[in-house]
Amino acid sequence: MKQQIDYSHEVRKHDSRAMRVLFVALGFCSVGVGVAGVILPVLPATPFFLVAAACFARASERFYNWLLNNPTVGPSIREWRRYRSIRYRTKLFAIGLMAGTLTVSIVFFVAEPYLKAGLAVLGVLLAIWLWRIPSRDAPIKSVNGESGMD
């Protein structure tokens, strides 16, 4: 079993007990939606786990540590909280999954041309936004365009 790391020093509890209870409730609701996002391809999971981490960071060392030590979602949360970046592989997977899901929706489920165009524009804008988020582990490109990873 992997040793648990203590992230309690990152927690800044709210002064109000009522607000801490609200943050814990919102955190667990976000975890629930995040778990649904892992299962459902149209629902992103990571943003909900990031919201849960932010809520737990204002309410509970125990739940914050539990989430950041989770082997599935912990690395992505830690990467975002420390460096404001997304792993390159995760970014490519998210863009690919989003493109596939939107393509299927546009081709098979949406009849109105203006809705198809709207979904296509939304998908392109989301992909551009996601692509622009930094990735610390992205392949390095040299000046002549070749990958620096041989």
N, C-alpha and C. Protein backbone atom coordinates (compact mmCIF):
# COMPACT_ATOMS: atom_id res chain seq x y z
N MET A 1 0.84 -1.18 0.00
CA MET A 1 0.00 0.00 0.00
C MET A 1 0.88 1.24 0.00
N LYS A 2 0.54 2.19 -0.86
CA LYS A 2 1.32 3.41 -0.98
C LYS A 2 1.12 4.28 0.25
N GLN A 3 2.20 4.89 0.69
CA GLN A 3 2.13 5.76 1.86
C GLN A 3 1.32 7.01 1.55
N GLN A 4 0.45 7.39 2.45
CA GLN A 4 -0.37 8.57 2.30
C GLN A 4 0.45 9.82 2.62
N ILE A 5 0.31 10.85 1.80
CA ILE A 5 0.99 12.12 2.02
C ILE A 5 0.01 13.06 2.70
N ASP A 6 0.51 13.83 3.65
CA ASP A 6 -0.34 14.77 4.37
C ASP A 6 -0.32 16.14 3.69
N TYR A 7 -1.47 16.56 3.19
CA TYR A 7 -1.61 17.85 2.52
C TYR A 7 -2.34 18.86 3.41
N SER A 8 -2.40 18.59 4.71
CA SER A 8 -3.16 19.45 5.62
C SER A 8 -2.68 20.89 5.62
N HIS A 9 -1.40 21.11 5.33
CA HIS A 9 -0.88 22.47 5.34
C HIS A 9 -1.50 23.34 4.23
N GLU A 10 -2.14 22.72 3.25
CA GLU A 10 -2.80 23.47 2.18
C GLU A 10 -4.23 23.85 2.53
N VAL A 11 -4.76 23.30 3.60
CA VAL A 11 -6.15 23.55 3.99
C VAL A 11 -6.24 24.84 4.80
N ARG A 12 -7.15 25.70 4.39
CA ARG A 12 -7.44 26.95 5.11
C ARG A 12 -8.92 26.94 5.47
N LYS A 13 -9.21 26.37 6.63
CA LYS A 13 -10.60 26.20 7.03
C LYS A 13 -11.30 27.55 7.19
N HIS A 14 -12.55 27.55 6.76
CA HIS A 14 -13.40 28.72 6.95
C HIS A 14 -13.71 28.86 8.43
N ASP A 15 -13.88 30.07 8.91
CA ASP A 15 -14.15 30.32 10.33
C ASP A 15 -15.52 29.81 10.78
N SER A 16 -16.48 29.86 9.89
CA SER A 16 -17.84 29.48 10.23
C SER A 16 -18.06 27.98 10.08
N ARG A 17 -18.59 27.36 11.13
CA ARG A 17 -18.91 25.93 11.07
C ARG A 17 -19.96 25.64 10.01
N ALA A 18 -20.95 26.51 9.89
CA ALA A 18 -22.01 26.33 8.89
C ALA A 18 -21.41 26.35 7.48
N MET A 19 -20.47 27.23 7.22
CA MET A 19 -19.83 27.29 5.90
C MET A 19 -18.98 26.05 5.65
N ARG A 20 -18.32 25.54 6.69
CA ARG A 20 -17.53 24.32 6.52
C ARG A 20 -18.42 23.14 6.17
N VAL A 21 -19.58 23.05 6.81
CA VAL A 21 -20.55 21.99 6.50
C VAL A 21 -21.03 22.14 5.05
N LEU A 22 -21.30 23.37 4.64
CA LEU A 22 -21.73 23.63 3.27
C LEU A 22 -20.63 23.24 2.27
N PHE A 23 -19.38 23.60 2.58
CA PHE A 23 -18.27 23.23 1.70
C PHE A 23 -18.10 21.72 1.59
N VAL A 24 -18.24 21.01 2.70
CA VAL A 24 -18.15 19.54 2.66
C VAL A 24 -19.28 18.97 1.81
N ALA A 25 -20.49 19.48 1.98
CA ALA A 25 -21.63 19.00 1.18
C ALA A 25 -21.40 19.27 -0.30
N LEU A 26 -20.96 20.49 -0.63
CA LEU A 26 -20.68 20.81 -2.03
C LEU A 26 -19.53 19.96 -2.57
N GLY A 27 -18.54 19.70 -1.72
CA GLY A 27 -17.42 18.86 -2.13
C GLY A 27 -17.88 17.46 -2.49
N PHE A 28 -18.73 16.87 -1.66
CA PHE A 28 -19.20 15.52 -1.95
C PHE A 28 -20.16 15.48 -3.14
N CYS A 29 -20.94 16.54 -3.32
CA CYS A 29 -21.78 16.62 -4.53
C CYS A 29 -20.89 16.67 -5.77
N SER A 30 -19.81 17.44 -5.71
CA SER A 30 -18.88 17.54 -6.83
C SER A 30 -18.18 16.20 -7.08
N VAL A 31 -17.83 15.49 -6.02
CA VAL A 31 -17.23 14.16 -6.18
C VAL A 31 -18.23 13.23 -6.88
N GLY A 32 -19.49 13.30 -6.47
CA GLY A 32 -20.52 12.46 -7.09
C GLY A 32 -20.67 12.74 -8.58
N VAL A 33 -20.72 14.02 -8.94
CA VAL A 33 -20.83 14.38 -10.36
C VAL A 33 -19.55 13.99 -11.09
N GLY A 34 -18.40 14.14 -10.43
CA GLY A 34 -17.13 13.73 -11.03
C GLY A 34 -17.08 12.24 -11.31
N VAL A 35 -17.58 11.45 -10.38
CA VAL A 35 -17.64 9.99 -10.60
C VAL A 35 -18.56 9.69 -11.78
N ALA A 36 -19.69 10.39 -11.87
CA ALA A 36 -20.58 10.21 -13.02
C ALA A 36 -19.84 10.59 -14.31
N GLY A 37 -19.00 11.63 -14.24
CA GLY A 37 -18.23 12.06 -15.41
C GLY A 37 -17.20 11.04 -15.85
N VAL A 38 -16.72 10.23 -14.92
CA VAL A 38 -15.79 9.16 -15.29
C VAL A 38 -16.52 8.11 -16.11
N ILE A 39 -17.78 7.89 -15.80
CA ILE A 39 -18.58 6.85 -16.46
C ILE A 39 -19.21 7.37 -17.75
N LEU A 40 -19.71 8.60 -17.73
CA LEU A 40 -20.42 9.16 -18.89
C LEU A 40 -19.45 9.98 -19.75
N PRO A 41 -19.35 9.65 -21.04
CA PRO A 41 -18.36 10.34 -21.87
C PRO A 41 -18.67 11.80 -22.17
N VAL A 42 -19.92 12.23 -22.00
CA VAL A 42 -20.27 13.61 -22.32
C VAL A 42 -20.06 14.55 -21.13
N LEU A 43 -19.77 14.03 -19.97
CA LEU A 43 -19.63 14.84 -18.77
C LEU A 43 -18.16 14.83 -18.32
N PRO A 44 -17.54 15.99 -18.26
CA PRO A 44 -16.14 16.02 -17.84
C PRO A 44 -16.02 15.75 -16.34
N ALA A 45 -15.05 14.95 -15.96
CA ALA A 45 -14.89 14.59 -14.55
C ALA A 45 -13.94 15.53 -13.81
N THR A 46 -12.83 15.86 -14.43
CA THR A 46 -11.77 16.59 -13.73
C THR A 46 -12.22 17.92 -13.14
N PRO A 47 -12.98 18.76 -13.85
CA PRO A 47 -13.40 20.03 -13.23
C PRO A 47 -14.19 19.83 -11.93
N PHE A 48 -14.98 18.79 -11.87
CA PHE A 48 -15.77 18.54 -10.66
C PHE A 48 -14.88 18.08 -9.50
N PHE A 49 -13.85 17.30 -9.82
CA PHE A 49 -12.91 16.91 -8.77
C PHE A 49 -12.09 18.12 -8.30
N LEU A 50 -11.80 19.04 -9.20
CA LEU A 50 -11.09 20.27 -8.82
C LEU A 50 -11.97 21.13 -7.89
N VAL A 51 -13.25 21.21 -8.20
CA VAL A 51 -14.18 21.94 -7.33
C VAL A 51 -14.27 21.26 -5.97
N ALA A 52 -14.32 19.93 -5.97
CA ALA A 52 -14.37 19.20 -4.70
C ALA A 52 -13.12 19.48 -3.88
N ALA A 53 -11.96 19.49 -4.51
CA ALA A 53 -10.72 19.78 -3.79
C ALA A 53 -10.74 21.19 -3.21
N ALA A 54 -11.23 22.15 -3.99
CA ALA A 54 -11.33 23.52 -3.50
C ALA A 54 -12.27 23.61 -2.30
N CYS A 55 -13.39 22.91 -2.36
CA CYS A 55 -14.34 22.92 -1.24
C CYS A 55 -13.73 22.27 0.00
N PHE A 56 -13.11 21.10 -0.18
CA PHE A 56 -12.51 20.41 0.96
C PHE A 56 -11.35 21.21 1.55
N ALA A 57 -10.66 21.99 0.71
CA ALA A 57 -9.54 22.81 1.20
C ALA A 57 -10.02 23.92 2.12
N ARG A 58 -11.30 24.24 2.07
CA ARG A 58 -11.87 25.26 2.96
C ARG A 58 -12.64 24.65 4.13
N ALA A 59 -12.67 23.28 4.20
CA ALA A 59 -13.53 22.68 5.20
C ALA A 59 -12.91 21.55 6.01
N SER A 60 -12.08 20.70 5.39
CA SER A 60 -11.70 19.47 6.08
C SER A 60 -10.35 18.93 5.59
N GLU A 61 -9.40 18.82 6.53
CA GLU A 61 -8.11 18.21 6.19
C GLU A 61 -8.30 16.74 5.78
N ARG A 62 -9.17 16.06 6.49
CA ARG A 62 -9.39 14.63 6.26
C ARG A 62 -9.87 14.36 4.82
N PHE A 63 -10.92 15.08 4.40
CA PHE A 63 -11.47 14.85 3.06
C PHE A 63 -10.53 15.37 1.97
N TYR A 64 -9.83 16.46 2.25
CA TYR A 64 -8.86 17.00 1.30
C TYR A 64 -7.73 16.00 1.07
N ASN A 65 -7.21 15.45 2.16
CA ASN A 65 -6.16 14.44 2.06
C ASN A 65 -6.67 13.19 1.34
N TRP A 66 -7.89 12.79 1.64
CA TRP A 66 -8.48 11.62 0.99
C TRP A 66 -8.52 11.82 -0.52
N LEU A 67 -8.95 12.99 -0.98
CA LEU A 67 -9.08 13.25 -2.40
C LEU A 67 -7.72 13.37 -3.08
N LEU A 68 -6.78 14.09 -2.48
CA LEU A 68 -5.48 14.26 -3.11
C LEU A 68 -4.63 13.01 -3.08
N ASN A 69 -4.89 12.10 -2.17
CA ASN A 69 -4.17 10.82 -2.13
C ASN A 69 -4.85 9.74 -2.96
N ASN A 70 -6.00 10.05 -3.57
CA ASN A 70 -6.69 9.08 -4.41
C ASN A 70 -5.83 8.80 -5.64
N PRO A 71 -5.52 7.52 -5.92
CA PRO A 71 -4.62 7.22 -7.04
C PRO A 71 -5.20 7.56 -8.42
N THR A 72 -6.50 7.65 -8.53
CA THR A 72 -7.11 7.94 -9.83
C THR A 72 -7.17 9.43 -10.12
N VAL A 73 -7.70 10.21 -9.21
CA VAL A 73 -7.90 11.64 -9.47
C VAL A 73 -6.86 12.53 -8.79
N GLY A 74 -6.19 12.02 -7.78
CA GLY A 74 -5.21 12.81 -7.04
C GLY A 74 -4.12 13.44 -7.90
N PRO A 75 -3.48 12.68 -8.81
CA PRO A 75 -2.41 13.29 -9.61
C PRO A 75 -2.87 14.48 -10.45
N SER A 76 -4.06 14.40 -11.04
CA SER A 76 -4.56 15.52 -11.84
C SER A 76 -4.84 16.74 -10.97
N ILE A 77 -5.41 16.51 -9.80
CA ILE A 77 -5.71 17.62 -8.89
C ILE A 77 -4.42 18.27 -8.41
N ARG A 78 -3.45 17.46 -8.02
CA ARG A 78 -2.17 18.01 -7.55
C ARG A 78 -1.46 18.79 -8.66
N GLU A 79 -1.51 18.27 -9.88
CA GLU A 79 -0.89 18.95 -11.02
C GLU A 79 -1.52 20.32 -11.24
N TRP A 80 -2.84 20.37 -11.17
CA TRP A 80 -3.54 21.64 -11.38
C TRP A 80 -3.27 22.61 -10.23
N ARG A 81 -3.34 22.13 -9.00
CA ARG A 81 -3.17 23.02 -7.84
C ARG A 81 -1.75 23.57 -7.75
N ARG A 82 -0.77 22.78 -8.12
CA ARG A 82 0.62 23.23 -8.01
C ARG A 82 1.09 24.04 -9.20
N TYR A 83 0.72 23.61 -10.41
CA TYR A 83 1.30 24.20 -11.61
C TYR A 83 0.29 24.81 -12.57
N ARG A 84 -1.00 24.70 -12.26
CA ARG A 84 -2.05 25.16 -13.16
C ARG A 84 -1.86 24.58 -14.56
N SER A 85 -1.60 23.28 -14.59
CA SER A 85 -1.40 22.59 -15.87
C SER A 85 -2.14 21.26 -15.88
N ILE A 86 -2.29 20.72 -17.08
CA ILE A 86 -2.94 19.43 -17.29
C ILE A 86 -1.94 18.53 -17.99
N ARG A 87 -1.91 17.27 -17.60
CA ARG A 87 -1.01 16.34 -18.28
C ARG A 87 -1.35 16.29 -19.76
N TYR A 88 -0.32 16.22 -20.59
CA TYR A 88 -0.48 16.26 -22.04
C TYR A 88 -1.38 15.13 -22.54
N ARG A 89 -1.16 13.94 -22.02
CA ARG A 89 -1.97 12.78 -22.43
C ARG A 89 -3.44 12.98 -22.06
N THR A 90 -3.69 13.53 -20.88
CA THR A 90 -5.06 13.80 -20.44
C THR A 90 -5.72 14.82 -21.35
N LYS A 91 -4.97 15.84 -21.73
CA LYS A 91 -5.49 16.88 -22.62
C LYS A 91 -5.86 16.28 -23.98
N LEU A 92 -4.99 15.46 -24.56
CA LEU A 92 -5.28 14.84 -25.85
C LEU A 92 -6.49 13.93 -25.77
N PHE A 93 -6.58 13.15 -24.68
CA PHE A 93 -7.72 12.26 -24.49
C PHE A 93 -9.02 13.05 -24.39
N ALA A 94 -9.00 14.14 -23.62
CA ALA A 94 -10.21 14.96 -23.43
C ALA A 94 -10.65 15.59 -24.76
N ILE A 95 -9.71 16.12 -25.51
CA ILE A 95 -10.06 16.74 -26.80
C ILE A 95 -10.60 15.68 -27.76
N GLY A 96 -9.96 14.52 -27.81
CA GLY A 96 -10.43 13.45 -28.69
C GLY A 96 -11.81 12.95 -28.32
N LEU A 97 -12.03 12.74 -27.02
CA LEU A 97 -13.33 12.26 -26.56
C LEU A 97 -14.42 13.30 -26.83
N MET A 98 -14.10 14.57 -26.59
CA MET A 98 -15.06 15.63 -26.84
C MET A 98 -15.38 15.72 -28.33
N ALA A 99 -14.36 15.62 -29.18
CA ALA A 99 -14.58 15.68 -30.63
C ALA A 99 -15.45 14.51 -31.09
N GLY A 100 -15.17 13.32 -30.59
CA GLY A 100 -15.97 12.16 -30.97
C GLY A 100 -17.41 12.27 -30.52
N THR A 101 -17.60 12.70 -29.29
CA THR A 101 -18.96 12.82 -28.74
C THR A 101 -19.75 13.88 -29.49
N LEU A 102 -19.13 15.02 -29.75
CA LEU A 102 -19.84 16.08 -30.48
C LEU A 102 -20.12 15.66 -31.93
N THR A 103 -19.19 14.96 -32.54
CA THR A 103 -19.41 14.50 -33.92
C THR A 103 -20.60 13.55 -33.99
N VAL A 104 -20.67 12.60 -33.07
CA VAL A 104 -21.80 11.67 -33.04
C VAL A 104 -23.10 12.43 -32.80
N SER A 105 -23.07 13.40 -31.89
CA SER A 105 -24.28 14.19 -31.61
C SER A 105 -24.72 14.96 -32.84
N ILE A 106 -23.75 15.62 -33.52
CA ILE A 106 -24.08 16.43 -34.69
C ILE A 106 -24.62 15.56 -35.83
N VAL A 107 -23.99 14.42 -36.06
CA VAL A 107 -24.37 13.58 -37.20
C VAL A 107 -25.67 12.82 -36.96
N PHE A 108 -25.84 12.27 -35.76
CA PHE A 108 -26.97 11.35 -35.54
C PHE A 108 -28.14 11.91 -34.73
N PHE A 109 -27.92 12.93 -33.90
CA PHE A 109 -28.98 13.32 -32.97
C PHE A 109 -29.51 14.74 -33.14
N VAL A 110 -28.81 15.60 -33.82
CA VAL A 110 -29.25 16.98 -33.97
C VAL A 110 -29.71 17.19 -35.41
N ALA A 111 -30.95 17.69 -35.56
CA ALA A 111 -31.52 17.85 -36.90
C ALA A 111 -31.35 19.27 -37.44
N GLU A 112 -31.49 20.26 -36.60
CA GLU A 112 -31.45 21.65 -37.04
C GLU A 112 -30.04 22.08 -37.42
N PRO A 113 -29.87 22.64 -38.62
CA PRO A 113 -28.53 23.06 -39.07
C PRO A 113 -27.86 24.10 -38.15
N TYR A 114 -28.64 25.05 -37.62
CA TYR A 114 -28.05 26.07 -36.75
C TYR A 114 -27.57 25.46 -35.43
N LEU A 115 -28.26 24.41 -34.95
CA LEU A 115 -27.79 23.73 -33.75
C LEU A 115 -26.53 22.92 -34.03
N LYS A 116 -26.47 22.29 -35.20
CA LYS A 116 -25.26 21.57 -35.60
C LYS A 116 -24.08 22.53 -35.66
N ALA A 117 -24.29 23.69 -36.27
CA ALA A 117 -23.23 24.69 -36.38
C ALA A 117 -22.82 25.20 -34.99
N GLY A 118 -23.81 25.41 -34.14
CA GLY A 118 -23.52 25.87 -32.78
C GLY A 118 -22.70 24.86 -31.99
N LEU A 119 -23.06 23.59 -32.11
CA LEU A 119 -22.28 22.54 -31.44
C LEU A 119 -20.87 22.45 -31.99
N ALA A 120 -20.73 22.59 -33.28
CA ALA A 120 -19.40 22.54 -33.90
C ALA A 120 -18.54 23.71 -33.43
N VAL A 121 -19.11 24.89 -33.40
CA VAL A 121 -18.37 26.08 -32.93
C VAL A 121 -18.01 25.92 -31.45
N LEU A 122 -18.96 25.46 -30.66
CA LEU A 122 -18.69 25.23 -29.24
C LEU A 122 -17.56 24.23 -29.06
N GLY A 123 -17.58 23.14 -29.81
CA GLY A 123 -16.53 22.13 -29.72
C GLY A 123 -15.17 22.69 -30.09
N VAL A 124 -15.11 23.47 -31.16
CA VAL A 124 -13.82 24.05 -31.58
C VAL A 124 -13.31 25.02 -30.52
N LEU A 125 -14.20 25.87 -29.99
CA LEU A 125 -13.78 26.83 -28.95
C LEU A 125 -13.30 26.11 -27.69
N LEU A 126 -14.01 25.07 -27.28
CA LEU A 126 -13.58 24.31 -26.10
C LEU A 126 -12.24 23.61 -26.34
N ALA A 127 -12.06 23.08 -27.53
CA ALA A 127 -10.80 22.42 -27.86
C ALA A 127 -9.64 23.42 -27.84
N ILE A 128 -9.86 24.61 -28.40
CA ILE A 128 -8.82 25.65 -28.38
C ILE A 128 -8.50 26.05 -26.95
N TRP A 129 -9.54 26.26 -26.15
CA TRP A 129 -9.31 26.64 -24.75
C TRP A 129 -8.53 25.56 -24.01
N LEU A 130 -8.92 24.32 -24.19
CA LEU A 130 -8.24 23.21 -23.52
C LEU A 130 -6.80 23.07 -24.01
N TRP A 131 -6.59 23.24 -25.30
CA TRP A 131 -5.25 23.12 -25.87
C TRP A 131 -4.31 24.18 -25.30
N ARG A 132 -4.85 25.35 -24.99
CA ARG A 132 -4.02 26.46 -24.50
C ARG A 132 -3.63 26.32 -23.03
N ILE A 133 -4.27 25.42 -22.30
CA ILE A 133 -3.86 25.19 -20.91
C ILE A 133 -2.50 24.51 -20.93
N PRO A 134 -1.56 24.99 -20.15
CA PRO A 134 -0.20 24.43 -20.19
C PRO A 134 -0.15 22.96 -19.80
N SER A 135 0.82 22.26 -20.38
CA SER A 135 1.14 20.88 -20.02
C SER A 135 2.63 20.81 -19.77
N ARG A 136 3.01 20.50 -18.55
CA ARG A 136 4.44 20.45 -18.22
C ARG A 136 5.16 19.29 -18.89
N ASP A 137 4.41 18.25 -19.24
CA ASP A 137 5.04 17.07 -19.82
C ASP A 137 4.84 16.97 -21.34
N ALA A 138 4.51 18.10 -21.99
CA ALA A 138 4.30 18.08 -23.44
C ALA A 138 5.62 17.83 -24.16
N PRO A 139 5.56 17.14 -25.30
CA PRO A 139 6.78 16.94 -26.08
C PRO A 139 7.36 18.28 -26.50
N ILE A 140 8.66 18.40 -26.41
CA ILE A 140 9.33 19.66 -26.75
C ILE A 140 9.59 19.69 -28.25
N LYS A 141 9.21 20.79 -28.87
CA LYS A 141 9.45 20.97 -30.31
C LYS A 141 10.71 21.81 -30.49
N SER A 142 11.55 21.37 -31.42
CA SER A 142 12.74 22.16 -31.73
C SER A 142 12.37 23.25 -32.74
N VAL A 143 13.33 24.10 -33.07
CA VAL A 143 13.08 25.21 -33.98
C VAL A 143 12.62 24.73 -35.35
N ASN A 144 13.17 23.62 -35.82
CA ASN A 144 12.78 23.14 -37.15
C ASN A 144 11.53 22.25 -37.13
N GLY A 145 10.86 22.17 -35.97
CA GLY A 145 9.58 21.48 -35.88
C GLY A 145 9.65 20.01 -35.53
N GLU A 146 10.85 19.47 -35.37
CA GLU A 146 10.98 18.07 -35.00
C GLU A 146 10.82 17.91 -33.49
N SER A 147 10.33 16.76 -33.08
CA SER A 147 10.16 16.49 -31.66
C SER A 147 11.53 16.33 -31.01
N GLY A 148 11.69 16.91 -29.83
CA GLY A 148 12.94 16.79 -29.10
C GLY A 148 13.04 15.50 -28.32
N MET A 149 12.01 14.66 -28.40
CA MET A 149 11.99 13.40 -27.65
C MET A 149 12.32 12.26 -28.59
N ASP A 150 13.54 11.78 -28.56
CA ASP A 150 13.95 10.66 -29.42
C ASP A 150 14.11 9.40 -28.64
